[in-house]
Each structure stands twice: as C-alpha cells, then as structure tokens.
Amino acid sequence: MASVTKGFRSLNRKAAKKLQRQSKAAIGIGFVAATLTALSLSHLAHGIEIVCGAASWEGWAMAIGIDCGFIGLELATIASATEHVRRSVSKFSKPAIVGTLVLSALMNAFAFAEHTVGIPLTTAAVMIGLAIPALIYALTRVGAALYIDCHTRG
C-alpha cells in the first residue's frame, strides 16, 4: 500500500485522507467558534459598559478576559501532556470556566434582550444569549479534540 508522508507521518493513503478530513473539520469548527467569540465579545463589552458604567476599553478588556479566558483555560486542560498536569490545571480551570461561562451567558443574554419588546421576543433573545457561550465551549472542546487527535496520530 502506498504511504503518504506529506503532513502526516508514513500513513497509508486512506488513513491519511481521513486524518486530513478530520483536521479540516477541526479548523472549520475553530472558525465558527472564533466567529461566535467575536459576537460574544461585542455583546459582553456592551453589557459591561452599561451595567458598570465602564469606558469602552474597559468593557472590551473585561470581555476578552471572560471569553478568551475560558477558551484558554479549556485548551490548557485539553492540551495537558500528562494526567498529573491535567489534574493540577483542572483544580483552577474548572471553577474559572464555570464562572466565566455563566457570566458570559448572562451578559450575552442581557445584551441580546436590551432592545426587545414583549415577553416572547425577550425570551427568545435571552435564550440566544445563553446559548452562545455554551456553543463556543462545545465547539472549542470538539474542535480541539479532533485537531489534537489527528495530529498525535499523524
């Protein structure tokens, strides 16, 4: 069987193609997560400015800390090279991730619902706002797992 060495170490062609597809899927998932993160950052910054009376740069700084913080902590946990490091990192990352996800969800919900009128539209806006950080989290977990898996095998 022919082997493929470009990009993936000496794998048969069929296995290399599967890993390339998996890698491309991971990159696509990462793009969607990055797009949603940009949306979330905008809503967080706006919500923080309103709630705290903060300057624009302060709202953006806090928004970046919240969303990029939970993404970075999750990636650090996933990418830990050993179980010992993973357990050590998780002691701090898990509670921080939960806290920042909740804060992100609440501020996104607030920003989405800010200009709505009536209970049905407000409810829909809140649901969308709550879903964004959960989706970013899920996309980050899945995309990172796919990407790490195919690059540890290949």
N, C-alpha and C. Protein backbone atom coordinates (compact mmCIF):
# COMPACT_ATOMS: atom_id res chain seq x y z
N MET A 1 0.82 -1.18 0.00
CA MET A 1 0.00 0.00 0.00
C MET A 1 0.87 1.25 0.00
N ALA A 2 0.49 2.25 -0.74
CA ALA A 2 1.26 3.48 -0.83
C ALA A 2 1.15 4.25 0.49
N SER A 3 2.25 4.89 0.87
CA SER A 3 2.21 5.67 2.10
C SER A 3 2.25 7.16 1.76
N VAL A 4 1.74 7.95 2.67
CA VAL A 4 1.70 9.39 2.49
C VAL A 4 2.53 10.01 3.61
N THR A 5 3.52 10.82 3.26
CA THR A 5 4.36 11.43 4.28
C THR A 5 4.16 12.94 4.35
N LYS A 6 3.43 13.52 3.43
CA LYS A 6 3.21 14.96 3.42
C LYS A 6 2.14 15.34 4.45
N GLY A 7 2.57 15.96 5.55
CA GLY A 7 1.63 16.39 6.57
C GLY A 7 1.38 15.35 7.65
N PHE A 8 1.31 14.11 7.32
CA PHE A 8 1.11 13.04 8.29
C PHE A 8 2.19 12.00 8.07
N ARG A 9 2.80 11.57 9.18
CA ARG A 9 3.89 10.60 9.11
C ARG A 9 3.43 9.29 8.49
N SER A 10 4.12 8.82 7.53
CA SER A 10 4.01 7.49 6.93
C SER A 10 2.71 6.74 7.25
N LEU A 11 1.64 7.18 6.73
CA LEU A 11 0.36 6.50 6.89
C LEU A 11 -0.10 6.00 5.53
N ASN A 12 -0.91 4.97 5.53
CA ASN A 12 -1.46 4.57 4.24
C ASN A 12 -2.39 5.68 3.76
N ARG A 13 -2.60 5.73 2.49
CA ARG A 13 -3.34 6.84 1.86
C ARG A 13 -4.73 7.03 2.46
N LYS A 14 -5.44 5.95 2.71
CA LYS A 14 -6.80 6.03 3.24
C LYS A 14 -6.80 6.65 4.65
N ALA A 15 -5.88 6.22 5.49
CA ALA A 15 -5.79 6.77 6.85
C ALA A 15 -5.38 8.24 6.82
N ALA A 16 -4.46 8.58 5.95
CA ALA A 16 -4.00 9.97 5.83
C ALA A 16 -5.14 10.88 5.38
N LYS A 17 -5.94 10.41 4.43
CA LYS A 17 -7.08 11.21 3.95
C LYS A 17 -8.11 11.42 5.07
N LYS A 18 -8.36 10.38 5.86
CA LYS A 18 -9.30 10.52 6.98
C LYS A 18 -8.79 11.55 7.98
N LEU A 19 -7.51 11.50 8.28
CA LEU A 19 -6.94 12.46 9.23
C LEU A 19 -6.94 13.88 8.66
N GLN A 20 -6.72 14.01 7.37
CA GLN A 20 -6.78 15.34 6.75
C GLN A 20 -8.20 15.90 6.82
N ARG A 21 -9.20 15.05 6.57
CA ARG A 21 -10.60 15.49 6.68
C ARG A 21 -10.91 15.91 8.12
N GLN A 22 -10.43 15.12 9.08
CA GLN A 22 -10.67 15.43 10.48
C GLN A 22 -9.99 16.75 10.85
N SER A 23 -8.79 16.96 10.37
CA SER A 23 -8.08 18.21 10.63
C SER A 23 -8.82 19.40 10.02
N LYS A 24 -9.30 19.26 8.80
CA LYS A 24 -10.06 20.33 8.15
C LYS A 24 -11.36 20.61 8.88
N ALA A 25 -12.02 19.57 9.37
CA ALA A 25 -13.25 19.76 10.15
C ALA A 25 -12.94 20.52 11.43
N ALA A 26 -11.84 20.17 12.08
CA ALA A 26 -11.44 20.87 13.31
C ALA A 26 -11.17 22.34 13.04
N ILE A 27 -10.52 22.64 11.93
CA ILE A 27 -10.24 24.02 11.57
C ILE A 27 -11.54 24.77 11.26
N GLY A 28 -12.47 24.13 10.57
CA GLY A 28 -13.77 24.74 10.30
C GLY A 28 -14.54 25.02 11.58
N ILE A 29 -14.52 24.07 12.51
CA ILE A 29 -15.17 24.25 13.80
C ILE A 29 -14.52 25.42 14.55
N GLY A 30 -13.19 25.50 14.47
CA GLY A 30 -12.47 26.61 15.10
C GLY A 30 -12.89 27.95 14.52
N PHE A 31 -13.10 28.00 13.22
CA PHE A 31 -13.55 29.24 12.57
C PHE A 31 -14.92 29.66 13.09
N VAL A 32 -15.83 28.71 13.22
CA VAL A 32 -17.17 29.02 13.74
C VAL A 32 -17.07 29.49 15.19
N ALA A 33 -16.24 28.81 15.99
CA ALA A 33 -16.06 29.21 17.39
C ALA A 33 -15.48 30.62 17.47
N ALA A 34 -14.52 30.94 16.61
CA ALA A 34 -13.92 32.28 16.61
C ALA A 34 -14.95 33.34 16.22
N THR A 35 -15.80 33.02 15.26
CA THR A 35 -16.85 33.97 14.84
C THR A 35 -17.83 34.23 15.98
N LEU A 36 -18.27 33.17 16.65
CA LEU A 36 -19.18 33.33 17.78
C LEU A 36 -18.50 34.06 18.94
N THR A 37 -17.21 33.81 19.12
CA THR A 37 -16.47 34.51 20.17
C THR A 37 -16.43 36.01 19.89
N ALA A 38 -16.22 36.39 18.63
CA ALA A 38 -16.23 37.81 18.27
C ALA A 38 -17.59 38.45 18.59
N LEU A 39 -18.66 37.75 18.26
CA LEU A 39 -20.01 38.23 18.58
C LEU A 39 -20.18 38.37 20.09
N SER A 40 -19.77 37.35 20.80
CA SER A 40 -19.90 37.35 22.26
C SER A 40 -19.08 38.49 22.88
N LEU A 41 -17.87 38.70 22.37
CA LEU A 41 -17.04 39.78 22.90
C LEU A 41 -17.73 41.13 22.75
N SER A 42 -18.34 41.34 21.61
CA SER A 42 -19.04 42.59 21.37
C SER A 42 -20.20 42.78 22.35
N HIS A 43 -20.98 41.72 22.54
CA HIS A 43 -22.10 41.80 23.47
C HIS A 43 -21.64 41.95 24.91
N LEU A 44 -20.60 41.22 25.27
CA LEU A 44 -20.07 41.33 26.63
C LEU A 44 -19.58 42.75 26.91
N ALA A 45 -18.78 43.28 25.98
CA ALA A 45 -18.24 44.62 26.17
C ALA A 45 -19.36 45.64 26.33
N HIS A 46 -20.37 45.53 25.48
CA HIS A 46 -21.51 46.45 25.53
C HIS A 46 -22.25 46.30 26.86
N GLY A 47 -22.51 45.08 27.26
CA GLY A 47 -23.21 44.83 28.53
C GLY A 47 -22.42 45.34 29.73
N ILE A 48 -21.13 45.13 29.73
CA ILE A 48 -20.28 45.59 30.83
C ILE A 48 -20.27 47.11 30.90
N GLU A 49 -20.21 47.75 29.75
CA GLU A 49 -20.27 49.22 29.71
C GLU A 49 -21.56 49.72 30.33
N ILE A 50 -22.69 49.10 29.99
CA ILE A 50 -23.99 49.54 30.50
C ILE A 50 -24.11 49.26 32.00
N VAL A 51 -23.83 48.04 32.40
CA VAL A 51 -24.04 47.64 33.79
C VAL A 51 -23.07 48.36 34.74
N CYS A 52 -21.82 48.48 34.33
CA CYS A 52 -20.80 49.05 35.22
C CYS A 52 -20.52 50.52 34.97
N GLY A 53 -21.07 51.08 33.91
CA GLY A 53 -20.74 52.45 33.55
C GLY A 53 -19.27 52.57 33.16
N ALA A 54 -18.74 51.50 32.62
CA ALA A 54 -17.31 51.44 32.28
C ALA A 54 -17.04 52.12 30.94
N ALA A 55 -15.80 52.53 30.77
CA ALA A 55 -15.35 53.05 29.48
C ALA A 55 -15.33 51.90 28.48
N SER A 56 -15.38 52.23 27.22
CA SER A 56 -15.40 51.21 26.16
C SER A 56 -14.21 50.26 26.26
N TRP A 57 -13.02 50.80 26.46
CA TRP A 57 -11.83 49.94 26.51
C TRP A 57 -11.89 49.00 27.71
N GLU A 58 -12.49 49.46 28.82
CA GLU A 58 -12.61 48.61 29.99
C GLU A 58 -13.60 47.46 29.74
N GLY A 59 -14.69 47.78 29.06
CA GLY A 59 -15.66 46.74 28.70
C GLY A 59 -15.03 45.69 27.80
N TRP A 60 -14.27 46.15 26.79
CA TRP A 60 -13.61 45.21 25.89
C TRP A 60 -12.54 44.39 26.61
N ALA A 61 -11.78 45.03 27.49
CA ALA A 61 -10.75 44.29 28.23
C ALA A 61 -11.37 43.19 29.09
N MET A 62 -12.46 43.53 29.77
CA MET A 62 -13.14 42.54 30.60
C MET A 62 -13.76 41.44 29.75
N ALA A 63 -14.37 41.81 28.64
CA ALA A 63 -14.97 40.83 27.74
C ALA A 63 -13.91 39.84 27.24
N ILE A 64 -12.77 40.36 26.83
CA ILE A 64 -11.68 39.49 26.36
C ILE A 64 -11.22 38.57 27.48
N GLY A 65 -11.10 39.12 28.68
CA GLY A 65 -10.70 38.30 29.82
C GLY A 65 -11.69 37.18 30.10
N ILE A 66 -12.97 37.48 29.97
CA ILE A 66 -14.00 36.48 30.26
C ILE A 66 -14.02 35.38 29.19
N ASP A 67 -14.27 35.75 27.94
CA ASP A 67 -14.43 34.72 26.90
C ASP A 67 -13.11 34.07 26.50
N CYS A 68 -12.10 34.86 26.25
CA CYS A 68 -10.81 34.27 25.87
C CYS A 68 -10.19 33.54 27.05
N GLY A 69 -10.54 33.98 28.27
CA GLY A 69 -10.08 33.28 29.46
C GLY A 69 -10.61 31.87 29.54
N PHE A 70 -11.93 31.70 29.34
CA PHE A 70 -12.45 30.34 29.44
C PHE A 70 -12.00 29.46 28.28
N ILE A 71 -11.82 30.05 27.12
CA ILE A 71 -11.32 29.28 25.98
C ILE A 71 -9.88 28.84 26.25
N GLY A 72 -9.05 29.76 26.71
CA GLY A 72 -7.66 29.43 27.01
C GLY A 72 -7.53 28.40 28.11
N LEU A 73 -8.34 28.52 29.16
CA LEU A 73 -8.30 27.55 30.24
C LEU A 73 -8.74 26.17 29.76
N GLU A 74 -9.76 26.12 28.92
CA GLU A 74 -10.22 24.83 28.40
C GLU A 74 -9.15 24.21 27.51
N LEU A 75 -8.54 25.01 26.65
CA LEU A 75 -7.48 24.49 25.78
C LEU A 75 -6.29 24.01 26.61
N ALA A 76 -5.96 24.72 27.68
CA ALA A 76 -4.86 24.29 28.56
C ALA A 76 -5.18 22.94 29.19
N THR A 77 -6.41 22.76 29.59
CA THR A 77 -6.82 21.49 30.18
C THR A 77 -6.75 20.36 29.15
N ILE A 78 -7.29 20.62 27.96
CA ILE A 78 -7.30 19.60 26.91
C ILE A 78 -5.89 19.25 26.46
N ALA A 79 -5.03 20.26 26.35
CA ALA A 79 -3.69 20.05 25.80
C ALA A 79 -2.67 19.59 26.83
N SER A 80 -3.07 19.42 28.07
CA SER A 80 -2.13 18.96 29.09
C SER A 80 -1.49 17.64 28.66
N ALA A 81 -0.17 17.59 28.76
CA ALA A 81 0.57 16.44 28.25
C ALA A 81 0.42 15.20 29.12
N THR A 82 0.21 15.39 30.42
CA THR A 82 0.09 14.23 31.31
C THR A 82 -1.16 14.37 32.16
N GLU A 83 -1.58 13.27 32.73
CA GLU A 83 -2.75 13.28 33.60
C GLU A 83 -2.47 14.09 34.86
N HIS A 84 -1.25 14.03 35.37
CA HIS A 84 -0.87 14.81 36.55
C HIS A 84 -1.04 16.31 36.29
N VAL A 85 -0.55 16.78 35.15
CA VAL A 85 -0.69 18.19 34.80
C VAL A 85 -2.16 18.54 34.61
N ARG A 86 -2.91 17.68 33.95
CA ARG A 86 -4.33 17.91 33.71
C ARG A 86 -5.08 18.07 35.04
N ARG A 87 -4.80 17.19 36.00
CA ARG A 87 -5.46 17.30 37.32
C ARG A 87 -5.06 18.59 38.02
N SER A 88 -3.79 18.93 37.94
CA SER A 88 -3.29 20.14 38.57
C SER A 88 -3.92 21.39 37.97
N VAL A 89 -4.00 21.45 36.64
CA VAL A 89 -4.60 22.58 35.94
C VAL A 89 -6.10 22.64 36.21
N SER A 90 -6.75 21.49 36.22
CA SER A 90 -8.21 21.43 36.39
C SER A 90 -8.69 21.98 37.72
N LYS A 91 -7.86 21.91 38.75
CA LYS A 91 -8.25 22.45 40.06
C LYS A 91 -8.64 23.92 39.94
N PHE A 92 -7.94 24.62 39.08
CA PHE A 92 -8.20 26.05 38.91
C PHE A 92 -9.05 26.34 37.68
N SER A 93 -8.85 25.57 36.64
CA SER A 93 -9.55 25.88 35.39
C SER A 93 -11.03 25.55 35.45
N LYS A 94 -11.41 24.44 36.06
CA LYS A 94 -12.84 24.07 36.07
C LYS A 94 -13.72 25.12 36.74
N PRO A 95 -13.40 25.56 37.98
CA PRO A 95 -14.27 26.60 38.56
C PRO A 95 -14.24 27.91 37.79
N ALA A 96 -13.08 28.27 37.26
CA ALA A 96 -12.98 29.51 36.48
C ALA A 96 -13.80 29.42 35.20
N ILE A 97 -13.77 28.26 34.55
CA ILE A 97 -14.54 28.07 33.31
C ILE A 97 -16.03 28.17 33.60
N VAL A 98 -16.48 27.51 34.66
CA VAL A 98 -17.90 27.57 35.01
C VAL A 98 -18.31 29.02 35.30
N GLY A 99 -17.53 29.72 36.10
CA GLY A 99 -17.85 31.10 36.44
C GLY A 99 -17.88 32.02 35.24
N THR A 100 -16.88 31.90 34.36
CA THR A 100 -16.85 32.78 33.19
C THR A 100 -17.93 32.41 32.18
N LEU A 101 -18.26 31.13 32.06
CA LEU A 101 -19.36 30.73 31.17
C LEU A 101 -20.68 31.33 31.65
N VAL A 102 -20.91 31.27 32.95
CA VAL A 102 -22.16 31.82 33.50
C VAL A 102 -22.20 33.33 33.28
N LEU A 103 -21.10 34.02 33.59
CA LEU A 103 -21.06 35.47 33.40
C LEU A 103 -21.23 35.84 31.93
N SER A 104 -20.56 35.11 31.05
CA SER A 104 -20.68 35.37 29.62
C SER A 104 -22.12 35.16 29.15
N ALA A 105 -22.74 34.08 29.61
CA ALA A 105 -24.13 33.78 29.22
C ALA A 105 -25.07 34.88 29.69
N LEU A 106 -24.90 35.31 30.92
CA LEU A 106 -25.79 36.35 31.46
C LEU A 106 -25.61 37.68 30.72
N MET A 107 -24.37 38.06 30.46
CA MET A 107 -24.13 39.33 29.78
C MET A 107 -24.57 39.27 28.31
N ASN A 108 -24.38 38.13 27.66
CA ASN A 108 -24.87 37.98 26.29
C ASN A 108 -26.40 38.06 26.27
N ALA A 109 -27.04 37.41 27.23
CA ALA A 109 -28.50 37.45 27.30
C ALA A 109 -28.97 38.88 27.53
N PHE A 110 -28.30 39.59 28.41
CA PHE A 110 -28.65 40.98 28.68
C PHE A 110 -28.52 41.83 27.42
N ALA A 111 -27.40 41.68 26.71
CA ALA A 111 -27.17 42.49 25.51
C ALA A 111 -28.17 42.15 24.41
N PHE A 112 -28.48 40.87 24.24
CA PHE A 112 -29.46 40.49 23.21
C PHE A 112 -30.85 41.02 23.54
N ALA A 113 -31.20 41.01 24.83
CA ALA A 113 -32.56 41.37 25.22
C ALA A 113 -32.75 42.86 25.45
N GLU A 114 -31.67 43.62 25.42
CA GLU A 114 -31.73 45.04 25.77
C GLU A 114 -32.79 45.81 24.99
N HIS A 115 -32.94 45.56 23.72
CA HIS A 115 -33.86 46.35 22.90
C HIS A 115 -35.14 45.61 22.50
N THR A 116 -35.39 44.48 23.13
CA THR A 116 -36.59 43.72 22.76
C THR A 116 -37.81 44.29 23.47
N VAL A 117 -38.96 44.00 22.88
CA VAL A 117 -40.23 44.45 23.45
C VAL A 117 -41.13 43.23 23.57
N GLY A 118 -41.65 43.01 24.74
CA GLY A 118 -42.58 41.90 24.95
C GLY A 118 -41.87 40.64 25.41
N ILE A 119 -42.62 39.83 26.11
CA ILE A 119 -42.08 38.60 26.70
C ILE A 119 -41.59 37.60 25.66
N PRO A 120 -42.32 37.35 24.57
CA PRO A 120 -41.83 36.36 23.61
C PRO A 120 -40.47 36.74 22.99
N LEU A 121 -40.33 38.00 22.58
CA LEU A 121 -39.07 38.42 21.98
C LEU A 121 -37.94 38.46 23.01
N THR A 122 -38.25 38.91 24.20
CA THR A 122 -37.24 38.95 25.26
C THR A 122 -36.78 37.54 25.60
N THR A 123 -37.72 36.62 25.69
CA THR A 123 -37.38 35.23 25.99
C THR A 123 -36.49 34.65 24.90
N ALA A 124 -36.84 34.89 23.65
CA ALA A 124 -36.02 34.40 22.54
C ALA A 124 -34.62 35.01 22.58
N ALA A 125 -34.53 36.31 22.84
CA ALA A 125 -33.23 36.98 22.91
C ALA A 125 -32.38 36.42 24.04
N VAL A 126 -33.00 36.20 25.18
CA VAL A 126 -32.27 35.63 26.33
C VAL A 126 -31.77 34.23 26.00
N MET A 127 -32.60 33.42 25.37
CA MET A 127 -32.20 32.05 25.02
C MET A 127 -31.00 32.06 24.06
N ILE A 128 -31.04 32.95 23.09
CA ILE A 128 -29.90 33.06 22.16
C ILE A 128 -28.66 33.49 22.92
N GLY A 129 -28.81 34.48 23.78
CA GLY A 129 -27.68 34.96 24.56
C GLY A 129 -27.07 33.89 25.44
N LEU A 130 -27.91 33.08 26.05
CA LEU A 130 -27.43 32.00 26.91
C LEU A 130 -26.74 30.90 26.10
N ALA A 131 -27.21 30.70 24.87
CA ALA A 131 -26.67 29.61 24.04
C ALA A 131 -25.27 29.90 23.50
N ILE A 132 -24.95 31.16 23.29
CA ILE A 132 -23.68 31.50 22.64
C ILE A 132 -22.46 30.95 23.39
N PRO A 133 -22.29 31.25 24.70
CA PRO A 133 -21.11 30.72 25.38
C PRO A 133 -21.10 29.19 25.45
N ALA A 134 -22.27 28.60 25.59
CA ALA A 134 -22.34 27.13 25.61
C ALA A 134 -21.87 26.56 24.28
N LEU A 135 -22.27 27.20 23.20
CA LEU A 135 -21.85 26.75 21.87
C LEU A 135 -20.35 26.97 21.66
N ILE A 136 -19.84 28.11 22.10
CA ILE A 136 -18.40 28.36 22.00
C ILE A 136 -17.63 27.29 22.76
N TYR A 137 -18.10 26.97 23.96
CA TYR A 137 -17.45 25.94 24.78
C TYR A 137 -17.46 24.59 24.07
N ALA A 138 -18.63 24.19 23.57
CA ALA A 138 -18.74 22.89 22.90
C ALA A 138 -17.88 22.84 21.63
N LEU A 139 -17.91 23.91 20.85
CA LEU A 139 -17.09 23.96 19.63
C LEU A 139 -15.61 23.90 19.96
N THR A 140 -15.19 24.60 21.01
CA THR A 140 -13.79 24.57 21.42
C THR A 140 -13.37 23.17 21.83
N ARG A 141 -14.20 22.51 22.63
CA ARG A 141 -13.88 21.14 23.08
C ARG A 141 -13.77 20.18 21.89
N VAL A 142 -14.78 20.21 21.03
CA VAL A 142 -14.82 19.27 19.90
C VAL A 142 -13.71 19.58 18.90
N GLY A 143 -13.56 20.84 18.52
CA GLY A 143 -12.53 21.20 17.55
C GLY A 143 -11.13 20.88 18.05
N ALA A 144 -10.85 21.20 19.31
CA ALA A 144 -9.53 20.90 19.86
C ALA A 144 -9.29 19.41 19.94
N ALA A 145 -10.28 18.66 20.36
CA ALA A 145 -10.13 17.20 20.47
C ALA A 145 -9.86 16.58 19.09
N LEU A 146 -10.60 17.00 18.08
CA LEU A 146 -10.38 16.49 16.72
C LEU A 146 -8.98 16.83 16.22
N TYR A 147 -8.59 18.09 16.41
CA TYR A 147 -7.31 18.54 15.91
C TYR A 147 -6.15 17.84 16.63
N ILE A 148 -6.22 17.78 17.95
CA ILE A 148 -5.16 17.12 18.72
C ILE A 148 -5.08 15.64 18.36
N ASP A 149 -6.23 14.99 18.24
CA ASP A 149 -6.24 13.57 17.90
C ASP A 149 -5.56 13.30 16.57
N CYS A 150 -5.91 14.06 15.55
CA CYS A 150 -5.34 13.75 14.23
C CYS A 150 -3.86 14.12 14.16
N HIS A 151 -3.42 15.08 14.96
CA HIS A 151 -2.01 15.46 14.91
C HIS A 151 -1.15 14.67 15.89
N THR A 152 -1.75 13.90 16.77
CA THR A 152 -0.96 12.99 17.59
C THR A 152 -0.83 11.63 16.91
N ARG A 153 -1.73 11.34 16.01
CA ARG A 153 -1.68 10.08 15.26
C ARG A 153 -0.82 10.20 14.01
N GLY A 154 -0.93 11.36 13.37
CA GLY A 154 -0.30 11.53 12.08
C GLY A 154 1.16 11.87 12.14
